[in-house]
Structures are given as C-alpha cells and as structure tokens.
N, C-alpha and C. Protein backbone atom coordinates (compact mmCIF):
# COMPACT_ATOMS: atom_id res chain seq x y z
N UNK A 1 4.72 266.12 -38.65
CA UNK A 1 3.57 266.09 -37.77
C UNK A 1 3.32 267.50 -37.25
N UNK A 2 2.09 267.95 -37.39
CA UNK A 2 1.73 269.27 -36.88
C UNK A 2 1.42 269.13 -35.40
N UNK A 3 1.93 270.04 -34.63
CA UNK A 3 1.73 270.01 -33.20
C UNK A 3 1.05 271.28 -32.73
N UNK A 4 0.04 271.11 -31.92
CA UNK A 4 -0.62 272.25 -31.30
C UNK A 4 -0.84 271.86 -29.85
N UNK A 5 -0.12 272.48 -28.95
CA UNK A 5 -0.16 272.10 -27.54
C UNK A 5 -1.07 273.01 -26.74
N UNK A 6 -1.76 272.43 -25.81
CA UNK A 6 -2.57 273.17 -24.83
C UNK A 6 -2.29 272.55 -23.47
N UNK A 7 -2.33 273.36 -22.45
CA UNK A 7 -2.21 272.86 -21.09
C UNK A 7 -3.61 272.72 -20.53
N UNK A 8 -3.91 271.53 -20.03
CA UNK A 8 -5.23 271.24 -19.48
C UNK A 8 -5.10 270.93 -18.01
N UNK A 9 -6.16 271.20 -17.27
CA UNK A 9 -6.18 270.93 -15.84
C UNK A 9 -7.13 269.77 -15.58
N UNK A 10 -6.71 268.83 -14.75
CA UNK A 10 -7.55 267.70 -14.38
C UNK A 10 -8.36 268.10 -13.15
N UNK A 11 -9.68 267.93 -13.22
CA UNK A 11 -10.54 268.28 -12.10
C UNK A 11 -10.43 267.23 -11.00
N UNK A 12 -11.04 267.52 -9.84
CA UNK A 12 -11.01 266.57 -8.72
C UNK A 12 -11.73 265.27 -9.06
N UNK A 13 -12.57 265.30 -10.09
CA UNK A 13 -13.29 264.10 -10.54
C UNK A 13 -12.58 263.42 -11.71
N UNK A 14 -11.39 263.89 -12.06
CA UNK A 14 -10.61 263.27 -13.12
C UNK A 14 -11.01 263.70 -14.52
N UNK A 15 -11.72 264.81 -14.62
CA UNK A 15 -12.20 265.28 -15.92
C UNK A 15 -11.28 266.35 -16.50
N UNK A 16 -11.22 266.37 -17.84
CA UNK A 16 -10.53 267.44 -18.56
C UNK A 16 -11.48 267.95 -19.64
N UNK A 17 -11.30 269.18 -20.03
CA UNK A 17 -12.12 269.78 -21.08
C UNK A 17 -11.27 269.89 -22.34
N UNK A 18 -11.80 269.36 -23.45
CA UNK A 18 -11.10 269.50 -24.73
C UNK A 18 -11.41 270.90 -25.25
N UNK A 19 -10.39 271.72 -25.51
CA UNK A 19 -10.63 273.09 -25.96
C UNK A 19 -11.48 273.15 -27.24
N UNK A 20 -12.28 274.20 -27.34
CA UNK A 20 -13.20 274.37 -28.45
C UNK A 20 -12.50 274.27 -29.81
N UNK A 21 -11.35 274.92 -29.97
CA UNK A 21 -10.70 274.88 -31.28
C UNK A 21 -10.27 273.45 -31.64
N UNK A 22 -9.89 272.64 -30.65
CA UNK A 22 -9.56 271.23 -30.91
C UNK A 22 -10.82 270.46 -31.29
N UNK A 23 -11.93 270.70 -30.56
CA UNK A 23 -13.19 270.01 -30.87
C UNK A 23 -13.65 270.33 -32.27
N UNK A 24 -13.51 271.60 -32.69
CA UNK A 24 -13.91 271.99 -34.04
C UNK A 24 -13.05 271.29 -35.08
N UNK A 25 -11.74 271.28 -34.86
CA UNK A 25 -10.83 270.66 -35.83
C UNK A 25 -11.02 269.16 -35.93
N UNK A 26 -11.47 268.55 -34.83
CA UNK A 26 -11.72 267.11 -34.83
C UNK A 26 -13.17 266.78 -35.20
N UNK A 27 -13.97 267.82 -35.44
CA UNK A 27 -15.40 267.65 -35.76
C UNK A 27 -16.11 266.86 -34.66
N UNK A 28 -15.83 267.23 -33.41
CA UNK A 28 -16.45 266.58 -32.27
C UNK A 28 -17.72 267.30 -31.88
N UNK A 29 -18.72 266.53 -31.52
CA UNK A 29 -19.94 267.13 -31.00
C UNK A 29 -20.46 266.25 -29.86
N UNK A 30 -21.46 266.74 -29.17
CA UNK A 30 -22.03 266.04 -28.03
C UNK A 30 -22.42 264.62 -28.42
N UNK A 31 -22.01 263.67 -27.61
CA UNK A 31 -22.36 262.27 -27.85
C UNK A 31 -21.34 261.49 -28.65
N UNK A 32 -20.39 262.19 -29.28
CA UNK A 32 -19.34 261.48 -30.02
C UNK A 32 -18.52 260.64 -29.04
N UNK A 33 -17.99 259.53 -29.55
CA UNK A 33 -17.16 258.68 -28.72
C UNK A 33 -15.71 258.79 -29.14
N UNK A 34 -14.84 258.74 -28.12
CA UNK A 34 -13.40 258.79 -28.34
C UNK A 34 -12.77 257.50 -27.83
N UNK A 35 -11.74 257.08 -28.53
CA UNK A 35 -10.95 255.95 -28.03
C UNK A 35 -9.69 256.53 -27.41
N UNK A 36 -9.36 256.06 -26.20
CA UNK A 36 -8.20 256.56 -25.49
C UNK A 36 -7.17 255.44 -25.40
N UNK A 37 -5.93 255.76 -25.78
CA UNK A 37 -4.83 254.80 -25.74
C UNK A 37 -3.68 255.40 -24.95
N UNK A 38 -3.11 254.59 -24.09
CA UNK A 38 -1.91 255.01 -23.36
C UNK A 38 -0.74 254.26 -23.98
N UNK A 39 0.18 255.01 -24.60
CA UNK A 39 1.31 254.40 -25.29
C UNK A 39 2.36 253.95 -24.27
N UNK A 40 3.28 253.13 -24.73
CA UNK A 40 4.35 252.63 -23.86
C UNK A 40 5.20 253.75 -23.29
N UNK A 41 5.30 254.86 -24.04
CA UNK A 41 6.13 255.97 -23.55
C UNK A 41 5.32 256.99 -22.73
N UNK A 42 4.09 256.62 -22.34
CA UNK A 42 3.30 257.47 -21.44
C UNK A 42 2.46 258.53 -22.12
N UNK A 43 2.37 258.50 -23.44
CA UNK A 43 1.53 259.48 -24.14
C UNK A 43 0.09 259.01 -24.17
N UNK A 44 -0.82 259.95 -23.97
CA UNK A 44 -2.25 259.68 -24.01
C UNK A 44 -2.74 260.09 -25.39
N UNK A 45 -3.37 259.17 -26.10
CA UNK A 45 -3.83 259.43 -27.47
C UNK A 45 -5.34 259.31 -27.50
N UNK A 46 -6.01 260.35 -28.01
CA UNK A 46 -7.46 260.35 -28.18
C UNK A 46 -7.78 260.33 -29.66
N UNK A 47 -8.64 259.41 -30.06
CA UNK A 47 -9.07 259.34 -31.45
C UNK A 47 -10.59 259.26 -31.50
N UNK A 48 -11.17 260.00 -32.43
CA UNK A 48 -12.62 259.99 -32.59
C UNK A 48 -13.03 258.69 -33.27
N UNK A 49 -14.05 258.03 -32.71
CA UNK A 49 -14.61 256.84 -33.33
C UNK A 49 -15.72 257.27 -34.30
N UNK A 50 -15.93 256.51 -35.36
CA UNK A 50 -17.00 256.87 -36.30
C UNK A 50 -18.36 256.85 -35.60
N UNK A 51 -19.17 257.87 -35.89
CA UNK A 51 -20.52 257.95 -35.33
C UNK A 51 -21.48 257.21 -36.26
N UNK A 52 -22.74 257.09 -35.84
CA UNK A 52 -23.75 256.46 -36.68
C UNK A 52 -23.87 257.17 -38.02
N UNK A 53 -23.84 258.50 -37.99
CA UNK A 53 -23.96 259.24 -39.26
C UNK A 53 -22.72 259.04 -40.12
N UNK A 54 -21.53 258.90 -39.50
CA UNK A 54 -20.32 258.60 -40.28
C UNK A 54 -20.48 257.26 -40.99
N UNK A 55 -20.98 256.24 -40.27
CA UNK A 55 -21.18 254.92 -40.87
C UNK A 55 -22.21 254.99 -41.99
N UNK A 56 -23.28 255.75 -41.77
CA UNK A 56 -24.32 255.88 -42.81
C UNK A 56 -23.73 256.48 -44.08
N UNK A 57 -22.86 257.50 -43.93
CA UNK A 57 -22.22 258.10 -45.09
C UNK A 57 -21.30 257.11 -45.78
N UNK A 58 -20.57 256.31 -44.98
CA UNK A 58 -19.64 255.34 -45.55
C UNK A 58 -20.35 254.26 -46.36
N UNK A 59 -21.51 253.82 -45.89
CA UNK A 59 -22.19 252.72 -46.57
C UNK A 59 -23.25 253.18 -47.57
N UNK A 60 -23.47 254.48 -47.67
CA UNK A 60 -24.53 254.99 -48.55
C UNK A 60 -24.34 254.58 -50.01
N UNK A 61 -23.10 254.50 -50.46
CA UNK A 61 -22.84 254.19 -51.86
C UNK A 61 -22.59 252.71 -52.13
N UNK A 62 -22.73 251.87 -51.10
CA UNK A 62 -22.55 250.44 -51.32
C UNK A 62 -23.79 249.91 -52.02
N UNK A 63 -23.61 249.27 -53.16
CA UNK A 63 -24.77 248.77 -53.89
C UNK A 63 -25.44 247.62 -53.14
N UNK A 64 -26.76 247.59 -53.21
CA UNK A 64 -27.54 246.54 -52.58
C UNK A 64 -28.27 245.80 -53.70
N UNK A 65 -28.12 244.49 -53.71
CA UNK A 65 -28.82 243.70 -54.73
C UNK A 65 -29.17 242.34 -54.16
N UNK A 66 -30.23 241.77 -54.68
CA UNK A 66 -30.65 240.43 -54.30
C UNK A 66 -29.86 239.43 -55.12
N UNK A 67 -29.21 238.49 -54.44
CA UNK A 67 -28.43 237.46 -55.12
C UNK A 67 -29.08 236.11 -54.82
N UNK A 68 -29.48 235.43 -55.88
CA UNK A 68 -30.04 234.09 -55.74
C UNK A 68 -29.02 233.10 -56.26
N UNK A 69 -28.57 232.23 -55.35
CA UNK A 69 -27.59 231.21 -55.73
C UNK A 69 -28.32 229.87 -55.77
N UNK A 70 -28.22 229.20 -56.90
CA UNK A 70 -28.87 227.89 -57.07
C UNK A 70 -28.11 226.84 -56.27
N UNK A 71 -28.70 225.67 -56.11
CA UNK A 71 -28.06 224.60 -55.35
C UNK A 71 -26.73 224.17 -55.96
N UNK A 72 -26.61 224.32 -57.27
CA UNK A 72 -25.35 223.94 -57.92
C UNK A 72 -24.31 225.06 -57.87
N UNK A 73 -24.63 226.17 -57.18
CA UNK A 73 -23.68 227.27 -56.99
C UNK A 73 -23.73 228.33 -58.06
N UNK A 74 -24.62 228.18 -59.04
CA UNK A 74 -24.71 229.18 -60.11
C UNK A 74 -25.66 230.31 -59.70
N UNK A 75 -25.40 231.46 -60.29
CA UNK A 75 -26.24 232.64 -60.09
C UNK A 75 -26.29 233.38 -61.41
N UNK A 76 -27.23 234.32 -61.52
CA UNK A 76 -27.38 235.09 -62.76
C UNK A 76 -26.57 236.37 -62.64
N UNK A 77 -25.44 236.49 -63.38
CA UNK A 77 -24.60 237.69 -63.28
C UNK A 77 -25.28 238.95 -63.80
N UNK A 78 -26.30 238.81 -64.63
CA UNK A 78 -27.03 239.98 -65.13
C UNK A 78 -27.90 240.56 -64.01
N UNK A 79 -28.50 239.69 -63.21
CA UNK A 79 -29.34 240.15 -62.11
C UNK A 79 -28.52 240.60 -60.90
N UNK A 80 -27.28 240.13 -60.83
CA UNK A 80 -26.42 240.46 -59.69
C UNK A 80 -25.04 240.90 -60.17
N UNK A 81 -24.96 242.03 -60.89
CA UNK A 81 -23.69 242.44 -61.48
C UNK A 81 -22.61 242.81 -60.45
N UNK A 82 -23.00 243.41 -59.34
CA UNK A 82 -22.00 243.78 -58.32
C UNK A 82 -21.44 242.55 -57.62
N UNK A 83 -22.31 241.58 -57.35
CA UNK A 83 -21.86 240.33 -56.75
C UNK A 83 -20.93 239.60 -57.72
N UNK A 84 -21.30 239.58 -58.98
CA UNK A 84 -20.46 238.93 -60.00
C UNK A 84 -19.09 239.60 -60.08
N UNK A 85 -19.06 240.91 -60.07
CA UNK A 85 -17.79 241.64 -60.11
C UNK A 85 -16.93 241.28 -58.89
N UNK A 86 -17.58 241.24 -57.71
CA UNK A 86 -16.86 240.89 -56.49
C UNK A 86 -16.31 239.46 -56.56
N UNK A 87 -17.10 238.55 -57.12
CA UNK A 87 -16.68 237.15 -57.22
C UNK A 87 -15.47 236.97 -58.12
N UNK A 88 -15.30 237.88 -59.08
CA UNK A 88 -14.21 237.75 -60.04
C UNK A 88 -13.01 238.66 -59.76
N UNK A 89 -13.04 239.38 -58.65
CA UNK A 89 -11.89 240.21 -58.28
C UNK A 89 -10.74 239.33 -57.85
N UNK A 90 -9.55 239.76 -58.15
CA UNK A 90 -8.37 238.98 -57.75
C UNK A 90 -7.70 239.58 -56.56
C-alpha cells in the first residue's frame, strides 16, 4: 500500500481542505461526491463516488436493442443477438 501523509487542520466549522495534489491524483473536481467511512479502528476513509460523466462512460458501450418476446416466451435471436447471448450465458 502506498502511503502519502498530510497533516490537515479542522476549522471551527468542522471543515478540512483536501490538498491539491491529492485532489489531482483522485481526479476530484467541484461537485464530486465522496463517501466517508469511519472504520472500527478509528480511521476515516474517503472514496470518490462515480459522477454522472463516469456513469455515462461506463454505459456508453452497452448495446441497446429492442427485444420482442412473444406470449409463448420466444424471441428472434437474429433481431436481438445481445439479448440472446445474455440468455445463454452460464
């Protein structure tokens, strides 16, 4: 585990500033959300949550197709090849 320690000061309003080099390495920008966890041993853990643009990048390559399922449960695998592949995965 790589460790890079900084000493931070808590303001009278309970605020701390994340140093610029940490923000850059975490790819943090204004409006990003962080999840804060307090471990059993008293450590404070901050993790960046995915932003809207992160989610857009994640789902950009997911194929979108119209799947028509008949009342008897059949569908056309030629018209819905990704759905068919998913249906047959083990």
